[in-house]
C-alpha cells in the first residue's frame, strides 16, 4: 500500500549433529 509491504518472517538454523535449533523471533 503506497509502496509499503508488510510480511511475516521467521529465520532459523538447524545443527544436525547436536539437534539444536536457533530461531528468530
PDBML (XML) file of the C-alpha atoms, coordinates in Angstrom:
<?xml version="1.0" encoding="UTF-8" ?>
<PDBx:datablock datablockName="MODEL"
   xmlns:PDBx="http://pdbml.pdb.org/schema/pdbx-v50.xsd"
   xmlns:xsi="http://www.w3.org/2001/XMLSchema-instance"
   xsi:schemaLocation="http://pdbml.pdb.org/schema/pdbx-v50.xsd pdbx-v50.xsd">
   <PDBx:atom_siteCategory>
      <PDBx:atom_site id="1">
         <PDBx:B_iso_or_equiv>0.00</PDBx:B_iso_or_equiv>
         <PDBx:Cartn_x>0.000</PDBx:Cartn_x>
         <PDBx:Cartn_y>0.000</PDBx:Cartn_y>
         <PDBx:Cartn_z>0.000</PDBx:Cartn_z>
         <PDBx:auth_asym_id>A</PDBx:auth_asym_id>
         <PDBx:auth_atom_id>CA</PDBx:auth_atom_id>
         <PDBx:auth_comp_id>UNK</PDBx:auth_comp_id>
         <PDBx:auth_seq_id>1</PDBx:auth_seq_id>
         <PDBx:group_PDB>ATOM</PDBx:group_PDB>
         <PDBx:label_alt_id xsi:nil="true" />
         <PDBx:label_asym_id>A</PDBx:label_asym_id>
         <PDBx:label_atom_id>CA</PDBx:label_atom_id>
         <PDBx:label_comp_id>UNK</PDBx:label_comp_id>
         <PDBx:label_entity_id>1</PDBx:label_entity_id>
         <PDBx:label_seq_id>1</PDBx:label_seq_id>
         <PDBx:occupancy>1.00</PDBx:occupancy>
         <PDBx:pdbx_PDB_model_num>1</PDBx:pdbx_PDB_model_num>
         <PDBx:type_symbol>C</PDBx:type_symbol>
      </PDBx:atom_site>
      <PDBx:atom_site id="2">
         <PDBx:B_iso_or_equiv>0.00</PDBx:B_iso_or_equiv>
         <PDBx:Cartn_x>1.620</PDBx:Cartn_x>
         <PDBx:Cartn_y>3.212</PDBx:Cartn_y>
         <PDBx:Cartn_z>-1.237</PDBx:Cartn_z>
         <PDBx:auth_asym_id>A</PDBx:auth_asym_id>
         <PDBx:auth_atom_id>CA</PDBx:auth_atom_id>
         <PDBx:auth_comp_id>UNK</PDBx:auth_comp_id>
         <PDBx:auth_seq_id>2</PDBx:auth_seq_id>
         <PDBx:group_PDB>ATOM</PDBx:group_PDB>
         <PDBx:label_alt_id xsi:nil="true" />
         <PDBx:label_asym_id>A</PDBx:label_asym_id>
         <PDBx:label_atom_id>CA</PDBx:label_atom_id>
         <PDBx:label_comp_id>UNK</PDBx:label_comp_id>
         <PDBx:label_entity_id>1</PDBx:label_entity_id>
         <PDBx:label_seq_id>2</PDBx:label_seq_id>
         <PDBx:occupancy>1.00</PDBx:occupancy>
         <PDBx:pdbx_PDB_model_num>1</PDBx:pdbx_PDB_model_num>
         <PDBx:type_symbol>C</PDBx:type_symbol>
      </PDBx:atom_site>
      <PDBx:atom_site id="3">
         <PDBx:B_iso_or_equiv>0.00</PDBx:B_iso_or_equiv>
         <PDBx:Cartn_x>4.855</PDBx:Cartn_x>
         <PDBx:Cartn_y>1.296</PDBx:Cartn_y>
         <PDBx:Cartn_z>-1.737</PDBx:Cartn_z>
         <PDBx:auth_asym_id>A</PDBx:auth_asym_id>
         <PDBx:auth_atom_id>CA</PDBx:auth_atom_id>
         <PDBx:auth_comp_id>UNK</PDBx:auth_comp_id>
         <PDBx:auth_seq_id>3</PDBx:auth_seq_id>
         <PDBx:group_PDB>ATOM</PDBx:group_PDB>
         <PDBx:label_alt_id xsi:nil="true" />
         <PDBx:label_asym_id>A</PDBx:label_asym_id>
         <PDBx:label_atom_id>CA</PDBx:label_atom_id>
         <PDBx:label_comp_id>UNK</PDBx:label_comp_id>
         <PDBx:label_entity_id>1</PDBx:label_entity_id>
         <PDBx:label_seq_id>3</PDBx:label_seq_id>
         <PDBx:occupancy>1.00</PDBx:occupancy>
         <PDBx:pdbx_PDB_model_num>1</PDBx:pdbx_PDB_model_num>
         <PDBx:type_symbol>C</PDBx:type_symbol>
      </PDBx:atom_site>
      <PDBx:atom_site id="4">
         <PDBx:B_iso_or_equiv>0.00</PDBx:B_iso_or_equiv>
         <PDBx:Cartn_x>4.853</PDBx:Cartn_x>
         <PDBx:Cartn_y>-0.202</PDBx:Cartn_y>
         <PDBx:Cartn_z>1.780</PDBx:Cartn_z>
         <PDBx:auth_asym_id>A</PDBx:auth_asym_id>
         <PDBx:auth_atom_id>CA</PDBx:auth_atom_id>
         <PDBx:auth_comp_id>UNK</PDBx:auth_comp_id>
         <PDBx:auth_seq_id>4</PDBx:auth_seq_id>
         <PDBx:group_PDB>ATOM</PDBx:group_PDB>
         <PDBx:label_alt_id xsi:nil="true" />
         <PDBx:label_asym_id>A</PDBx:label_asym_id>
         <PDBx:label_atom_id>CA</PDBx:label_atom_id>
         <PDBx:label_comp_id>UNK</PDBx:label_comp_id>
         <PDBx:label_entity_id>1</PDBx:label_entity_id>
         <PDBx:label_seq_id>4</PDBx:label_seq_id>
         <PDBx:occupancy>1.00</PDBx:occupancy>
         <PDBx:pdbx_PDB_model_num>1</PDBx:pdbx_PDB_model_num>
         <PDBx:type_symbol>C</PDBx:type_symbol>
      </PDBx:atom_site>
      <PDBx:atom_site id="5">
         <PDBx:B_iso_or_equiv>0.00</PDBx:B_iso_or_equiv>
         <PDBx:Cartn_x>4.805</PDBx:Cartn_x>
         <PDBx:Cartn_y>-4.005</PDBx:Cartn_y>
         <PDBx:Cartn_z>2.074</PDBx:Cartn_z>
         <PDBx:auth_asym_id>A</PDBx:auth_asym_id>
         <PDBx:auth_atom_id>CA</PDBx:auth_atom_id>
         <PDBx:auth_comp_id>UNK</PDBx:auth_comp_id>
         <PDBx:auth_seq_id>5</PDBx:auth_seq_id>
         <PDBx:group_PDB>ATOM</PDBx:group_PDB>
         <PDBx:label_alt_id xsi:nil="true" />
         <PDBx:label_asym_id>A</PDBx:label_asym_id>
         <PDBx:label_atom_id>CA</PDBx:label_atom_id>
         <PDBx:label_comp_id>UNK</PDBx:label_comp_id>
         <PDBx:label_entity_id>1</PDBx:label_entity_id>
         <PDBx:label_seq_id>5</PDBx:label_seq_id>
         <PDBx:occupancy>1.00</PDBx:occupancy>
         <PDBx:pdbx_PDB_model_num>1</PDBx:pdbx_PDB_model_num>
         <PDBx:type_symbol>C</PDBx:type_symbol>
      </PDBx:atom_site>
      <PDBx:atom_site id="6">
         <PDBx:B_iso_or_equiv>0.00</PDBx:B_iso_or_equiv>
         <PDBx:Cartn_x>4.272</PDBx:Cartn_x>
         <PDBx:Cartn_y>-5.894</PDBx:Cartn_y>
         <PDBx:Cartn_z>5.321</PDBx:Cartn_z>
         <PDBx:auth_asym_id>A</PDBx:auth_asym_id>
         <PDBx:auth_atom_id>CA</PDBx:auth_atom_id>
         <PDBx:auth_comp_id>UNK</PDBx:auth_comp_id>
         <PDBx:auth_seq_id>6</PDBx:auth_seq_id>
         <PDBx:group_PDB>ATOM</PDBx:group_PDB>
         <PDBx:label_alt_id xsi:nil="true" />
         <PDBx:label_asym_id>A</PDBx:label_asym_id>
         <PDBx:label_atom_id>CA</PDBx:label_atom_id>
         <PDBx:label_comp_id>UNK</PDBx:label_comp_id>
         <PDBx:label_entity_id>1</PDBx:label_entity_id>
         <PDBx:label_seq_id>6</PDBx:label_seq_id>
         <PDBx:occupancy>1.00</PDBx:occupancy>
         <PDBx:pdbx_PDB_model_num>1</PDBx:pdbx_PDB_model_num>
         <PDBx:type_symbol>C</PDBx:type_symbol>
      </PDBx:atom_site>
      <PDBx:atom_site id="7">
         <PDBx:B_iso_or_equiv>0.00</PDBx:B_iso_or_equiv>
         <PDBx:Cartn_x>5.148</PDBx:Cartn_x>
         <PDBx:Cartn_y>-9.588</PDBx:Cartn_y>
         <PDBx:Cartn_z>5.610</PDBx:Cartn_z>
         <PDBx:auth_asym_id>A</PDBx:auth_asym_id>
         <PDBx:auth_atom_id>CA</PDBx:auth_atom_id>
         <PDBx:auth_comp_id>UNK</PDBx:auth_comp_id>
         <PDBx:auth_seq_id>7</PDBx:auth_seq_id>
         <PDBx:group_PDB>ATOM</PDBx:group_PDB>
         <PDBx:label_alt_id xsi:nil="true" />
         <PDBx:label_asym_id>A</PDBx:label_asym_id>
         <PDBx:label_atom_id>CA</PDBx:label_atom_id>
         <PDBx:label_comp_id>UNK</PDBx:label_comp_id>
         <PDBx:label_entity_id>1</PDBx:label_entity_id>
         <PDBx:label_seq_id>7</PDBx:label_seq_id>
         <PDBx:occupancy>1.00</PDBx:occupancy>
         <PDBx:pdbx_PDB_model_num>1</PDBx:pdbx_PDB_model_num>
         <PDBx:type_symbol>C</PDBx:type_symbol>
      </PDBx:atom_site>
      <PDBx:atom_site id="8">
         <PDBx:B_iso_or_equiv>0.00</PDBx:B_iso_or_equiv>
         <PDBx:Cartn_x>5.832</PDBx:Cartn_x>
         <PDBx:Cartn_y>-12.211</PDBx:Cartn_y>
         <PDBx:Cartn_z>8.236</PDBx:Cartn_z>
         <PDBx:auth_asym_id>A</PDBx:auth_asym_id>
         <PDBx:auth_atom_id>CA</PDBx:auth_atom_id>
         <PDBx:auth_comp_id>UNK</PDBx:auth_comp_id>
         <PDBx:auth_seq_id>8</PDBx:auth_seq_id>
         <PDBx:group_PDB>ATOM</PDBx:group_PDB>
         <PDBx:label_alt_id xsi:nil="true" />
         <PDBx:label_asym_id>A</PDBx:label_asym_id>
         <PDBx:label_atom_id>CA</PDBx:label_atom_id>
         <PDBx:label_comp_id>UNK</PDBx:label_comp_id>
         <PDBx:label_entity_id>1</PDBx:label_entity_id>
         <PDBx:label_seq_id>8</PDBx:label_seq_id>
         <PDBx:occupancy>1.00</PDBx:occupancy>
         <PDBx:pdbx_PDB_model_num>1</PDBx:pdbx_PDB_model_num>
         <PDBx:type_symbol>C</PDBx:type_symbol>
      </PDBx:atom_site>
      <PDBx:atom_site id="9">
         <PDBx:B_iso_or_equiv>0.00</PDBx:B_iso_or_equiv>
         <PDBx:Cartn_x>9.373</PDBx:Cartn_x>
         <PDBx:Cartn_y>-13.568</PDBx:Cartn_y>
         <PDBx:Cartn_z>8.707</PDBx:Cartn_z>
         <PDBx:auth_asym_id>A</PDBx:auth_asym_id>
         <PDBx:auth_atom_id>CA</PDBx:auth_atom_id>
         <PDBx:auth_comp_id>UNK</PDBx:auth_comp_id>
         <PDBx:auth_seq_id>9</PDBx:auth_seq_id>
         <PDBx:group_PDB>ATOM</PDBx:group_PDB>
         <PDBx:label_alt_id xsi:nil="true" />
         <PDBx:label_asym_id>A</PDBx:label_asym_id>
         <PDBx:label_atom_id>CA</PDBx:label_atom_id>
         <PDBx:label_comp_id>UNK</PDBx:label_comp_id>
         <PDBx:label_entity_id>1</PDBx:label_entity_id>
         <PDBx:label_seq_id>9</PDBx:label_seq_id>
         <PDBx:occupancy>1.00</PDBx:occupancy>
         <PDBx:pdbx_PDB_model_num>1</PDBx:pdbx_PDB_model_num>
         <PDBx:type_symbol>C</PDBx:type_symbol>
      </PDBx:atom_site>
      <PDBx:atom_site id="10">
         <PDBx:B_iso_or_equiv>0.00</PDBx:B_iso_or_equiv>
         <PDBx:Cartn_x>10.990</PDBx:Cartn_x>
         <PDBx:Cartn_y>-16.477</PDBx:Cartn_y>
         <PDBx:Cartn_z>10.566</PDBx:Cartn_z>
         <PDBx:auth_asym_id>A</PDBx:auth_asym_id>
         <PDBx:auth_atom_id>CA</PDBx:auth_atom_id>
         <PDBx:auth_comp_id>UNK</PDBx:auth_comp_id>
         <PDBx:auth_seq_id>10</PDBx:auth_seq_id>
         <PDBx:group_PDB>ATOM</PDBx:group_PDB>
         <PDBx:label_alt_id xsi:nil="true" />
         <PDBx:label_asym_id>A</PDBx:label_asym_id>
         <PDBx:label_atom_id>CA</PDBx:label_atom_id>
         <PDBx:label_comp_id>UNK</PDBx:label_comp_id>
         <PDBx:label_entity_id>1</PDBx:label_entity_id>
         <PDBx:label_seq_id>10</PDBx:label_seq_id>
         <PDBx:occupancy>1.00</PDBx:occupancy>
         <PDBx:pdbx_PDB_model_num>1</PDBx:pdbx_PDB_model_num>
         <PDBx:type_symbol>C</PDBx:type_symbol>
      </PDBx:atom_site>
      <PDBx:atom_site id="11">
         <PDBx:B_iso_or_equiv>0.00</PDBx:B_iso_or_equiv>
         <PDBx:Cartn_x>14.640</PDBx:Cartn_x>
         <PDBx:Cartn_y>-17.463</PDBx:Cartn_y>
         <PDBx:Cartn_z>10.214</PDBx:Cartn_z>
         <PDBx:auth_asym_id>A</PDBx:auth_asym_id>
         <PDBx:auth_atom_id>CA</PDBx:auth_atom_id>
         <PDBx:auth_comp_id>UNK</PDBx:auth_comp_id>
         <PDBx:auth_seq_id>11</PDBx:auth_seq_id>
         <PDBx:group_PDB>ATOM</PDBx:group_PDB>
         <PDBx:label_alt_id xsi:nil="true" />
         <PDBx:label_asym_id>A</PDBx:label_asym_id>
         <PDBx:label_atom_id>CA</PDBx:label_atom_id>
         <PDBx:label_comp_id>UNK</PDBx:label_comp_id>
         <PDBx:label_entity_id>1</PDBx:label_entity_id>
         <PDBx:label_seq_id>11</PDBx:label_seq_id>
         <PDBx:occupancy>1.00</PDBx:occupancy>
         <PDBx:pdbx_PDB_model_num>1</PDBx:pdbx_PDB_model_num>
         <PDBx:type_symbol>C</PDBx:type_symbol>
      </PDBx:atom_site>
      <PDBx:atom_site id="12">
         <PDBx:B_iso_or_equiv>0.00</PDBx:B_iso_or_equiv>
         <PDBx:Cartn_x>16.296</PDBx:Cartn_x>
         <PDBx:Cartn_y>-20.443</PDBx:Cartn_y>
         <PDBx:Cartn_z>11.846</PDBx:Cartn_z>
         <PDBx:auth_asym_id>A</PDBx:auth_asym_id>
         <PDBx:auth_atom_id>CA</PDBx:auth_atom_id>
         <PDBx:auth_comp_id>UNK</PDBx:auth_comp_id>
         <PDBx:auth_seq_id>12</PDBx:auth_seq_id>
         <PDBx:group_PDB>ATOM</PDBx:group_PDB>
         <PDBx:label_alt_id xsi:nil="true" />
         <PDBx:label_asym_id>A</PDBx:label_asym_id>
         <PDBx:label_atom_id>CA</PDBx:label_atom_id>
         <PDBx:label_comp_id>UNK</PDBx:label_comp_id>
         <PDBx:label_entity_id>1</PDBx:label_entity_id>
         <PDBx:label_seq_id>12</PDBx:label_seq_id>
         <PDBx:occupancy>1.00</PDBx:occupancy>
         <PDBx:pdbx_PDB_model_num>1</PDBx:pdbx_PDB_model_num>
         <PDBx:type_symbol>C</PDBx:type_symbol>
      </PDBx:atom_site>
      <PDBx:atom_site id="13">
         <PDBx:B_iso_or_equiv>0.00</PDBx:B_iso_or_equiv>
         <PDBx:Cartn_x>19.415</PDBx:Cartn_x>
         <PDBx:Cartn_y>-22.575</PDBx:Cartn_y>
         <PDBx:Cartn_z>11.903</PDBx:Cartn_z>
         <PDBx:auth_asym_id>A</PDBx:auth_asym_id>
         <PDBx:auth_atom_id>CA</PDBx:auth_atom_id>
         <PDBx:auth_comp_id>UNK</PDBx:auth_comp_id>
         <PDBx:auth_seq_id>13</PDBx:auth_seq_id>
         <PDBx:group_PDB>ATOM</PDBx:group_PDB>
         <PDBx:label_alt_id xsi:nil="true" />
         <PDBx:label_asym_id>A</PDBx:label_asym_id>
         <PDBx:label_atom_id>CA</PDBx:label_atom_id>
         <PDBx:label_comp_id>UNK</PDBx:label_comp_id>
         <PDBx:label_entity_id>1</PDBx:label_entity_id>
         <PDBx:label_seq_id>13</PDBx:label_seq_id>
         <PDBx:occupancy>1.00</PDBx:occupancy>
         <PDBx:pdbx_PDB_model_num>1</PDBx:pdbx_PDB_model_num>
         <PDBx:type_symbol>C</PDBx:type_symbol>
      </PDBx:atom_site>
      <PDBx:atom_site id="14">
         <PDBx:B_iso_or_equiv>0.00</PDBx:B_iso_or_equiv>
         <PDBx:Cartn_x>19.449</PDBx:Cartn_x>
         <PDBx:Cartn_y>-26.335</PDBx:Cartn_y>
         <PDBx:Cartn_z>12.459</PDBx:Cartn_z>
         <PDBx:auth_asym_id>A</PDBx:auth_asym_id>
         <PDBx:auth_atom_id>CA</PDBx:auth_atom_id>
         <PDBx:auth_comp_id>UNK</PDBx:auth_comp_id>
         <PDBx:auth_seq_id>14</PDBx:auth_seq_id>
         <PDBx:group_PDB>ATOM</PDBx:group_PDB>
         <PDBx:label_alt_id xsi:nil="true" />
         <PDBx:label_asym_id>A</PDBx:label_asym_id>
         <PDBx:label_atom_id>CA</PDBx:label_atom_id>
         <PDBx:label_comp_id>UNK</PDBx:label_comp_id>
         <PDBx:label_entity_id>1</PDBx:label_entity_id>
         <PDBx:label_seq_id>14</PDBx:label_seq_id>
         <PDBx:occupancy>1.00</PDBx:occupancy>
         <PDBx:pdbx_PDB_model_num>1</PDBx:pdbx_PDB_model_num>
         <PDBx:type_symbol>C</PDBx:type_symbol>
      </PDBx:atom_site>
      <PDBx:atom_site id="15">
         <PDBx:B_iso_or_equiv>0.00</PDBx:B_iso_or_equiv>
         <PDBx:Cartn_x>22.601</PDBx:Cartn_x>
         <PDBx:Cartn_y>-28.057</PDBx:Cartn_y>
         <PDBx:Cartn_z>13.749</PDBx:Cartn_z>
         <PDBx:auth_asym_id>A</PDBx:auth_asym_id>
         <PDBx:auth_atom_id>CA</PDBx:auth_atom_id>
         <PDBx:auth_comp_id>UNK</PDBx:auth_comp_id>
         <PDBx:auth_seq_id>15</PDBx:auth_seq_id>
         <PDBx:group_PDB>ATOM</PDBx:group_PDB>
         <PDBx:label_alt_id xsi:nil="true" />
         <PDBx:label_asym_id>A</PDBx:label_asym_id>
         <PDBx:label_atom_id>CA</PDBx:label_atom_id>
         <PDBx:label_comp_id>UNK</PDBx:label_comp_id>
         <PDBx:label_entity_id>1</PDBx:label_entity_id>
         <PDBx:label_seq_id>15</PDBx:label_seq_id>
         <PDBx:occupancy>1.00</PDBx:occupancy>
         <PDBx:pdbx_PDB_model_num>1</PDBx:pdbx_PDB_model_num>
         <PDBx:type_symbol>C</PDBx:type_symbol>
      </PDBx:atom_site>
      <PDBx:atom_site id="16">
         <PDBx:B_iso_or_equiv>0.00</PDBx:B_iso_or_equiv>
         <PDBx:Cartn_x>22.022</PDBx:Cartn_x>
         <PDBx:Cartn_y>-31.698</PDBx:Cartn_y>
         <PDBx:Cartn_z>12.931</PDBx:Cartn_z>
         <PDBx:auth_asym_id>A</PDBx:auth_asym_id>
         <PDBx:auth_atom_id>CA</PDBx:auth_atom_id>
         <PDBx:auth_comp_id>UNK</PDBx:auth_comp_id>
         <PDBx:auth_seq_id>16</PDBx:auth_seq_id>
         <PDBx:group_PDB>ATOM</PDBx:group_PDB>
         <PDBx:label_alt_id xsi:nil="true" />
         <PDBx:label_asym_id>A</PDBx:label_asym_id>
         <PDBx:label_atom_id>CA</PDBx:label_atom_id>
         <PDBx:label_comp_id>UNK</PDBx:label_comp_id>
         <PDBx:label_entity_id>1</PDBx:label_entity_id>
         <PDBx:label_seq_id>16</PDBx:label_seq_id>
         <PDBx:occupancy>1.00</PDBx:occupancy>
         <PDBx:pdbx_PDB_model_num>1</PDBx:pdbx_PDB_model_num>
         <PDBx:type_symbol>C</PDBx:type_symbol>
      </PDBx:atom_site>
      <PDBx:atom_site id="17">
         <PDBx:B_iso_or_equiv>0.00</PDBx:B_iso_or_equiv>
         <PDBx:Cartn_x>24.930</PDBx:Cartn_x>
         <PDBx:Cartn_y>-33.209</PDBx:Cartn_y>
         <PDBx:Cartn_z>14.881</PDBx:Cartn_z>
         <PDBx:auth_asym_id>A</PDBx:auth_asym_id>
         <PDBx:auth_atom_id>CA</PDBx:auth_atom_id>
         <PDBx:auth_comp_id>UNK</PDBx:auth_comp_id>
         <PDBx:auth_seq_id>17</PDBx:auth_seq_id>
         <PDBx:group_PDB>ATOM</PDBx:group_PDB>
         <PDBx:label_alt_id xsi:nil="true" />
         <PDBx:label_asym_id>A</PDBx:label_asym_id>
         <PDBx:label_atom_id>CA</PDBx:label_atom_id>
         <PDBx:label_comp_id>UNK</PDBx:label_comp_id>
         <PDBx:label_entity_id>1</PDBx:label_entity_id>
         <PDBx:label_seq_id>17</PDBx:label_seq_id>
         <PDBx:occupancy>1.00</PDBx:occupancy>
         <PDBx:pdbx_PDB_model_num>1</PDBx:pdbx_PDB_model_num>
         <PDBx:type_symbol>C</PDBx:type_symbol>
      </PDBx:atom_site>
      <PDBx:atom_site id="18">
         <PDBx:B_iso_or_equiv>0.00</PDBx:B_iso_or_equiv>
         <PDBx:Cartn_x>23.655</PDBx:Cartn_x>
         <PDBx:Cartn_y>-31.851</PDBx:Cartn_y>
         <PDBx:Cartn_z>18.197</PDBx:Cartn_z>
         <PDBx:auth_asym_id>A</PDBx:auth_asym_id>
         <PDBx:auth_atom_id>CA</PDBx:auth_atom_id>
         <PDBx:auth_comp_id>UNK</PDBx:auth_comp_id>
         <PDBx:auth_seq_id>18</PDBx:auth_seq_id>
         <PDBx:group_PDB>ATOM</PDBx:group_PDB>
         <PDBx:label_alt_id xsi:nil="true" />
         <PDBx:label_asym_id>A</PDBx:label_asym_id>
         <PDBx:label_atom_id>CA</PDBx:label_atom_id>
         <PDBx:label_comp_id>UNK</PDBx:label_comp_id>
         <PDBx:label_entity_id>1</PDBx:label_entity_id>
         <PDBx:label_seq_id>18</PDBx:label_seq_id>
         <PDBx:occupancy>1.00</PDBx:occupancy>
         <PDBx:pdbx_PDB_model_num>1</PDBx:pdbx_PDB_model_num>
         <PDBx:type_symbol>C</PDBx:type_symbol>
      </PDBx:atom_site>
      <PDBx:atom_site id="19">
         <PDBx:B_iso_or_equiv>0.00</PDBx:B_iso_or_equiv>
         <PDBx:Cartn_x>19.948</PDBx:Cartn_x>
         <PDBx:Cartn_y>-31.481</PDBx:Cartn_y>
         <PDBx:Cartn_z>17.281</PDBx:Cartn_z>
         <PDBx:auth_asym_id>A</PDBx:auth_asym_id>
         <PDBx:auth_atom_id>CA</PDBx:auth_atom_id>
         <PDBx:auth_comp_id>UNK</PDBx:auth_comp_id>
         <PDBx:auth_seq_id>19</PDBx:auth_seq_id>
         <PDBx:group_PDB>ATOM</PDBx:group_PDB>
         <PDBx:label_alt_id xsi:nil="true" />
         <PDBx:label_asym_id>A</PDBx:label_asym_id>
         <PDBx:label_atom_id>CA</PDBx:label_atom_id>
         <PDBx:label_comp_id>UNK</PDBx:label_comp_id>
         <PDBx:label_entity_id>1</PDBx:label_entity_id>
         <PDBx:label_seq_id>19</PDBx:label_seq_id>
         <PDBx:occupancy>1.00</PDBx:occupancy>
         <PDBx:pdbx_PDB_model_num>1</PDBx:pdbx_PDB_model_num>
         <PDBx:type_symbol>C</PDBx:type_symbol>
      </PDBx:atom_site>
      <PDBx:atom_site id="20">
         <PDBx:B_iso_or_equiv>0.00</PDBx:B_iso_or_equiv>
         <PDBx:Cartn_x>19.878</PDBx:Cartn_x>
         <PDBx:Cartn_y>-27.817</PDBx:Cartn_y>
         <PDBx:Cartn_z>18.167</PDBx:Cartn_z>
         <PDBx:auth_asym_id>A</PDBx:auth_asym_id>
         <PDBx:auth_atom_id>CA</PDBx:auth_atom_id>
         <PDBx:auth_comp_id>UNK</PDBx:auth_comp_id>
         <PDBx:auth_seq_id>20</PDBx:auth_seq_id>
         <PDBx:group_PDB>ATOM</PDBx:group_PDB>
         <PDBx:label_alt_id xsi:nil="true" />
         <PDBx:label_asym_id>A</PDBx:label_asym_id>
         <PDBx:label_atom_id>CA</PDBx:label_atom_id>
         <PDBx:label_comp_id>UNK</PDBx:label_comp_id>
         <PDBx:label_entity_id>1</PDBx:label_entity_id>
         <PDBx:label_seq_id>20</PDBx:label_seq_id>
         <PDBx:occupancy>1.00</PDBx:occupancy>
         <PDBx:pdbx_PDB_model_num>1</PDBx:pdbx_PDB_model_num>
         <PDBx:type_symbol>C</PDBx:type_symbol>
      </PDBx:atom_site>
      <PDBx:atom_site id="21">
         <PDBx:B_iso_or_equiv>0.00</PDBx:B_iso_or_equiv>
         <PDBx:Cartn_x>17.762</PDBx:Cartn_x>
         <PDBx:Cartn_y>-25.125</PDBx:Cartn_y>
         <PDBx:Cartn_z>16.520</PDBx:Cartn_z>
         <PDBx:auth_asym_id>A</PDBx:auth_asym_id>
         <PDBx:auth_atom_id>CA</PDBx:auth_atom_id>
         <PDBx:auth_comp_id>UNK</PDBx:auth_comp_id>
         <PDBx:auth_seq_id>21</PDBx:auth_seq_id>
         <PDBx:group_PDB>ATOM</PDBx:group_PDB>
         <PDBx:label_alt_id xsi:nil="true" />
         <PDBx:label_asym_id>A</PDBx:label_asym_id>
         <PDBx:label_atom_id>CA</PDBx:label_atom_id>
         <PDBx:label_comp_id>UNK</PDBx:label_comp_id>
         <PDBx:label_entity_id>1</PDBx:label_entity_id>
         <PDBx:label_seq_id>21</PDBx:label_seq_id>
         <PDBx:occupancy>1.00</PDBx:occupancy>
         <PDBx:pdbx_PDB_model_num>1</PDBx:pdbx_PDB_model_num>
         <PDBx:type_symbol>C</PDBx:type_symbol>
      </PDBx:atom_site>
      <PDBx:atom_site id="22">
         <PDBx:B_iso_or_equiv>0.00</PDBx:B_iso_or_equiv>
         <PDBx:Cartn_x>18.312</PDBx:Cartn_x>
         <PDBx:Cartn_y>-21.349</PDBx:Cartn_y>
         <PDBx:Cartn_z>16.722</PDBx:Cartn_z>
         <PDBx:auth_asym_id>A</PDBx:auth_asym_id>
         <PDBx:auth_atom_id>CA</PDBx:auth_atom_id>
         <PDBx:auth_comp_id>UNK</PDBx:auth_comp_id>
         <PDBx:auth_seq_id>22</PDBx:auth_seq_id>
         <PDBx:group_PDB>ATOM</PDBx:group_PDB>
         <PDBx:label_alt_id xsi:nil="true" />
         <PDBx:label_asym_id>A</PDBx:label_asym_id>
         <PDBx:label_atom_id>CA</PDBx:label_atom_id>
         <PDBx:label_comp_id>UNK</PDBx:label_comp_id>
         <PDBx:label_entity_id>1</PDBx:label_entity_id>
         <PDBx:label_seq_id>22</PDBx:label_seq_id>
         <PDBx:occupancy>1.00</PDBx:occupancy>
         <PDBx:pdbx_PDB_model_num>1</PDBx:pdbx_PDB_model_num>
         <PDBx:type_symbol>C</PDBx:type_symbol>
      </PDBx:atom_site>
      <PDBx:atom_site id="23">
         <PDBx:B_iso_or_equiv>0.00</PDBx:B_iso_or_equiv>
         <PDBx:Cartn_x>15.380</PDBx:Cartn_x>
         <PDBx:Cartn_y>-19.146</PDBx:Cartn_y>
         <PDBx:Cartn_z>15.736</PDBx:Cartn_z>
         <PDBx:auth_asym_id>A</PDBx:auth_asym_id>
         <PDBx:auth_atom_id>CA</PDBx:auth_atom_id>
         <PDBx:auth_comp_id>UNK</PDBx:auth_comp_id>
         <PDBx:auth_seq_id>23</PDBx:auth_seq_id>
         <PDBx:group_PDB>ATOM</PDBx:group_PDB>
         <PDBx:label_alt_id xsi:nil="true" />
         <PDBx:label_asym_id>A</PDBx:label_asym_id>
         <PDBx:label_atom_id>CA</PDBx:label_atom_id>
         <PDBx:label_comp_id>UNK</PDBx:label_comp_id>
         <PDBx:label_entity_id>1</PDBx:label_entity_id>
         <PDBx:label_seq_id>23</PDBx:label_seq_id>
         <PDBx:occupancy>1.00</PDBx:occupancy>
         <PDBx:pdbx_PDB_model_num>1</PDBx:pdbx_PDB_model_num>
         <PDBx:type_symbol>C</PDBx:type_symbol>
      </PDBx:atom_site>
      <PDBx:atom_site id="24">
         <PDBx:B_iso_or_equiv>0.00</PDBx:B_iso_or_equiv>
         <PDBx:Cartn_x>14.150</PDBx:Cartn_x>
         <PDBx:Cartn_y>-15.613</PDBx:Cartn_y>
         <PDBx:Cartn_z>15.285</PDBx:Cartn_z>
         <PDBx:auth_asym_id>A</PDBx:auth_asym_id>
         <PDBx:auth_atom_id>CA</PDBx:auth_atom_id>
         <PDBx:auth_comp_id>UNK</PDBx:auth_comp_id>
         <PDBx:auth_seq_id>24</PDBx:auth_seq_id>
         <PDBx:group_PDB>ATOM</PDBx:group_PDB>
         <PDBx:label_alt_id xsi:nil="true" />
         <PDBx:label_asym_id>A</PDBx:label_asym_id>
         <PDBx:label_atom_id>CA</PDBx:label_atom_id>
         <PDBx:label_comp_id>UNK</PDBx:label_comp_id>
         <PDBx:label_entity_id>1</PDBx:label_entity_id>
         <PDBx:label_seq_id>24</PDBx:label_seq_id>
         <PDBx:occupancy>1.00</PDBx:occupancy>
         <PDBx:pdbx_PDB_model_num>1</PDBx:pdbx_PDB_model_num>
         <PDBx:type_symbol>C</PDBx:type_symbol>
      </PDBx:atom_site>
      <PDBx:atom_site id="25">
         <PDBx:B_iso_or_equiv>0.00</PDBx:B_iso_or_equiv>
         <PDBx:Cartn_x>11.725</PDBx:Cartn_x>
         <PDBx:Cartn_y>-14.395</PDBx:Cartn_y>
         <PDBx:Cartn_z>16.508</PDBx:Cartn_z>
         <PDBx:auth_asym_id>A</PDBx:auth_asym_id>
         <PDBx:auth_atom_id>CA</PDBx:auth_atom_id>
         <PDBx:auth_comp_id>UNK</PDBx:auth_comp_id>
         <PDBx:auth_seq_id>25</PDBx:auth_seq_id>
         <PDBx:group_PDB>ATOM</PDBx:group_PDB>
         <PDBx:label_alt_id xsi:nil="true" />
         <PDBx:label_asym_id>A</PDBx:label_asym_id>
         <PDBx:label_atom_id>CA</PDBx:label_atom_id>
         <PDBx:label_comp_id>UNK</PDBx:label_comp_id>
         <PDBx:label_entity_id>1</PDBx:label_entity_id>
         <PDBx:label_seq_id>25</PDBx:label_seq_id>
         <PDBx:occupancy>1.00</PDBx:occupancy>
         <PDBx:pdbx_PDB_model_num>1</PDBx:pdbx_PDB_model_num>
         <PDBx:type_symbol>C</PDBx:type_symbol>
      </PDBx:atom_site>
   </PDBx:atom_siteCategory>
</PDBx:datablock>
